[in-house]
Amino acid sequence: MSSERTLVLNSGYQVVGVVPWQRAITMLYEGDAETLHDWDKTVNDFKAVAYDKEVANQSRSYVYKLPAIVRLLNSNVLPRHRNVKFSKINVFYRDDYTCQYCGHKSEHGSTVKNKRMTIDHVIPVSKGGRTTFDNCVAACGECNSKKSDKTLAEAGLKLLKKPSVPSVSVLLKRKLNKKRIHASWEKFLNNSTIMV
């Protein structure tokens, strides 16, 4: 059916996860959560924060709008602070699909061969460089070929910014921005420091 996802808040309105809408409906039906409501100026009343789609059981005794945000009831689940796992995709998201040498910005899945994003070791592996967030950057194919197994000085290149371990909230926002999310999530994600 639909691929909408639901933001899950704890009872203190902190983000604790993102679930498929089907799981959110189960949580509502079982009484574990409530759909978040927000003030709607046009109708001068509170309105459910939901997508414009609904789901019902066969007899239509239960009809739910697909919730965009649910709040857990009687739950003090705290946001999970996790270490960010090193991966090629996390380097791309950290660097926002931007070559850290020439500044070329690529879209996820770009097919322009010499501008396709790759991972470059700032200190080449052949010179003792490790595969870590502090030593790997997104680089277009052209710059990666130019640098090859040289140091920055040998290749005549400079970094746009020093690579570091990304914050979980930056990765979360960039990953979710690549997907279709409900506009109501923004204020909660801006205060988020968790990985969902």
Protein backbone atom coordinates (compact mmCIF):
# COMPACT_ATOMS: atom_id res chain seq x y z
CA MET A 1 0.00 0.00 0.00
CA SER A 2 1.70 3.14 1.25
CA SER A 3 5.30 3.70 2.37
CA GLU A 4 4.61 6.51 4.87
CA ARG A 5 6.53 6.35 8.11
CA THR A 6 5.58 7.61 11.55
CA LEU A 7 7.75 9.55 13.98
CA VAL A 8 7.51 8.14 17.51
CA LEU A 9 7.83 10.39 20.56
CA ASN A 10 8.05 9.31 24.19
CA SER A 11 5.62 10.70 26.75
CA GLY A 12 7.99 13.68 27.21
CA TYR A 13 7.79 14.53 23.46
CA GLN A 14 11.35 13.38 22.68
CA VAL A 15 12.02 11.45 19.44
CA VAL A 16 12.64 7.77 20.13
CA GLY A 17 12.22 6.29 16.68
CA VAL A 18 10.63 6.05 13.27
CA VAL A 19 8.33 3.15 12.40
CA PRO A 20 6.29 2.05 9.38
CA TRP A 21 2.72 3.37 9.51
CA GLN A 22 1.43 -0.19 10.04
CA ARG A 23 3.33 -0.45 13.35
CA ALA A 24 2.00 2.97 14.40
CA ILE A 25 -1.59 1.84 13.71
CA THR A 26 -1.01 -1.25 15.88
CA MET A 27 0.31 0.96 18.68
CA LEU A 28 -2.81 3.15 18.43
CA TYR A 29 -5.18 0.18 18.31
CA GLU A 30 -3.53 -1.47 21.33
CA GLY A 31 -3.70 1.78 23.31
CA ASP A 32 0.09 2.16 23.60
CA ALA A 33 0.17 5.49 21.77
CA GLU A 34 -1.92 8.44 20.67
CA THR A 35 -1.83 10.44 17.47
CA LEU A 36 -0.24 13.80 18.11
CA HIS A 37 -2.58 16.78 17.64
CA ASP A 38 -1.52 20.29 16.68
CA TRP A 39 -3.40 23.59 16.69
CA ASP A 40 -4.89 24.37 13.29
CA LYS A 41 -5.54 28.10 12.84
CA THR A 42 -7.87 27.57 9.88
CA VAL A 43 -10.40 25.61 11.94
CA ASN A 44 -9.49 27.10 15.34
CA ASP A 45 -9.15 23.65 16.86
CA PHE A 46 -6.69 20.83 17.39
CA LYS A 47 -6.21 18.55 14.40
CA ALA A 48 -4.48 15.17 14.15
CA VAL A 49 -0.97 15.33 12.67
CA ALA A 50 -1.57 12.81 9.91
CA TYR A 51 -1.12 12.01 6.24
CA ASP A 52 -4.04 12.46 3.85
CA LYS A 53 -4.64 8.70 3.70
CA GLU A 54 -6.65 6.45 5.92
CA VAL A 55 -6.87 2.77 6.68
CA ALA A 56 -9.78 0.74 8.08
CA ASN A 57 -10.61 -2.81 9.07
CA GLN A 58 -12.99 -4.78 6.86
CA SER A 59 -16.14 -3.76 8.75
CA ARG A 60 -14.89 -0.14 8.98
CA SER A 61 -15.44 -0.21 12.73
CA TYR A 62 -11.90 1.17 13.06
CA VAL A 63 -10.85 3.92 10.67
CA TYR A 64 -7.50 5.64 11.16
CA LYS A 65 -5.77 8.39 9.25
CA LEU A 66 -2.15 7.35 8.77
CA PRO A 67 -0.44 9.11 11.67
CA ALA A 68 2.59 11.28 10.94
CA ILE A 69 3.54 11.46 14.63
CA VAL A 70 2.49 9.32 17.58
CA ARG A 71 3.27 9.82 21.25
CA LEU A 72 3.77 6.82 23.49
CA LEU A 73 1.50 6.74 26.53
CA ASN A 74 2.89 5.74 29.94
CA SER A 75 6.38 5.47 28.51
CA ASN A 76 9.57 7.00 29.72
CA VAL A 77 11.62 5.44 26.91
CA LEU A 78 14.62 7.68 26.45
CA PRO A 79 16.27 8.46 23.12
CA ARG A 80 19.04 6.02 22.32
CA HIS A 81 22.43 7.65 21.89
CA ARG A 82 24.44 5.47 19.57
CA ASN A 83 27.89 5.63 18.13
CA VAL A 84 27.80 6.23 14.41
CA LYS A 85 28.93 3.15 12.48
CA PHE A 86 31.50 3.80 9.78
CA SER A 87 30.16 3.09 6.30
CA LYS A 88 30.52 4.49 2.82
CA ILE A 89 26.93 5.78 2.84
CA ASN A 90 27.44 7.52 6.20
CA VAL A 91 30.50 9.32 4.78
CA PHE A 92 28.39 10.42 1.78
CA TYR A 93 25.63 11.70 4.08
CA ARG A 94 28.13 13.42 6.40
CA ASP A 95 29.71 15.20 3.42
CA ASP A 96 26.27 15.82 1.87
CA TYR A 97 27.28 14.06 -1.38
CA THR A 98 29.81 16.84 -1.99
CA CYS A 99 33.36 16.23 -3.20
CA GLN A 100 35.63 17.45 -0.42
CA TYR A 101 38.26 18.56 -2.95
CA CYS A 102 36.44 20.41 -5.76
CA GLY A 103 33.02 21.01 -4.17
CA HIS A 104 31.03 19.15 -6.86
CA LYS A 105 27.66 18.09 -5.40
CA SER A 106 26.25 14.83 -6.66
CA GLU A 107 22.85 13.29 -6.12
CA HIS A 108 22.51 9.83 -4.64
CA GLY A 109 22.86 7.32 -7.49
CA SER A 110 24.35 9.80 -9.99
CA THR A 111 25.47 8.12 -13.22
CA VAL A 112 27.87 10.81 -14.49
CA LYS A 113 30.95 8.56 -14.51
CA ASN A 114 33.80 10.97 -13.67
CA LYS A 115 31.67 12.89 -11.15
CA ARG A 116 30.16 9.88 -9.37
CA MET A 117 30.90 9.98 -5.63
CA THR A 118 33.60 7.70 -4.29
CA ILE A 119 35.41 7.44 -0.97
CA ASP A 120 38.98 8.72 -0.76
CA HIS A 121 41.49 8.06 2.02
CA VAL A 122 43.07 11.44 2.86
CA ILE A 123 46.21 9.64 4.02
CA PRO A 124 46.43 6.79 1.50
CA VAL A 125 46.22 3.22 2.79
CA SER A 126 49.59 2.59 1.12
CA LYS A 127 51.06 5.25 3.44
CA GLY A 128 49.43 3.90 6.62
CA GLY A 129 46.04 5.63 6.36
CA ARG A 130 43.11 3.93 8.04
CA THR A 131 39.52 3.48 6.95
CA THR A 132 37.87 5.76 9.53
CA PHE A 133 35.65 8.84 9.53
CA ASP A 134 38.72 10.96 10.37
CA ASN A 135 40.58 9.77 7.26
CA CYS A 136 37.88 9.22 4.62
CA VAL A 137 36.01 11.79 2.57
CA ALA A 138 33.53 11.88 -0.30
CA ALA A 139 35.34 12.61 -3.55
CA CYS A 140 34.19 12.72 -7.14
CA GLY A 141 35.78 10.14 -9.42
CA GLU A 142 37.85 12.81 -11.18
CA CYS A 143 39.44 14.13 -7.95
CA ASN A 144 39.92 10.64 -6.54
CA SER A 145 41.80 9.62 -9.72
CA LYS A 146 43.92 12.79 -9.58
CA LYS A 147 44.85 12.17 -5.95
CA SER A 148 45.37 8.42 -6.38
CA ASP A 149 47.71 7.19 -3.61
CA LYS A 150 49.36 10.58 -3.07
CA THR A 151 49.19 12.83 -0.03
CA LEU A 152 47.26 16.09 -0.33
CA ALA A 153 50.52 18.03 -0.81
CA GLU A 154 51.78 15.62 -3.48
CA ALA A 155 48.48 15.86 -5.40
CA GLY A 156 48.17 19.64 -4.95
CA LEU A 157 44.73 19.30 -3.36
CA LYS A 158 43.13 20.87 -0.30
CA LEU A 159 40.18 19.67 1.74
CA LEU A 160 37.04 21.82 1.98
CA LYS A 161 36.72 20.74 5.62
CA LYS A 162 38.58 18.41 7.94
CA PRO A 163 36.88 14.99 8.14
CA SER A 164 35.49 13.92 11.52
CA VAL A 165 33.01 11.53 13.08
CA PRO A 166 29.56 12.89 12.16
CA SER A 167 26.98 13.67 14.80
CA VAL A 168 24.05 11.30 14.87
CA SER A 169 21.54 14.15 14.48
CA VAL A 170 23.23 15.47 11.31
CA LEU A 171 23.14 12.01 9.73
CA LEU A 172 19.54 11.48 10.79
CA LYS A 173 18.36 14.75 9.25
CA ARG A 174 20.28 14.23 6.00
CA LYS A 175 19.07 10.65 5.63
CA LEU A 176 15.46 11.57 6.32
CA ASN A 177 15.63 14.58 3.99
CA LYS A 178 16.42 12.17 1.14
CA LYS A 179 13.12 10.41 1.88
CA ARG A 180 9.62 11.81 1.90
CA ILE A 181 8.82 12.90 5.43
CA HIS A 182 5.94 14.81 6.93
CA ALA A 183 6.60 18.55 7.45
CA SER A 184 5.47 18.27 11.09
CA TRP A 185 8.60 16.25 11.96
CA GLU A 186 10.93 19.23 11.52
CA LYS A 187 10.52 20.83 14.95
CA PHE A 188 11.12 17.49 16.68
CA LEU A 189 14.09 16.50 14.49
CA ASN A 190 15.75 19.86 15.10
CA ASN A 191 16.00 18.94 18.77
CA SER A 192 16.95 15.32 18.10
CA THR A 193 20.30 13.79 19.03
CA ILE A 194 19.40 10.21 18.27
CA MET A 195 19.65 7.74 15.43
CA VAL A 196 16.39 6.17 14.36
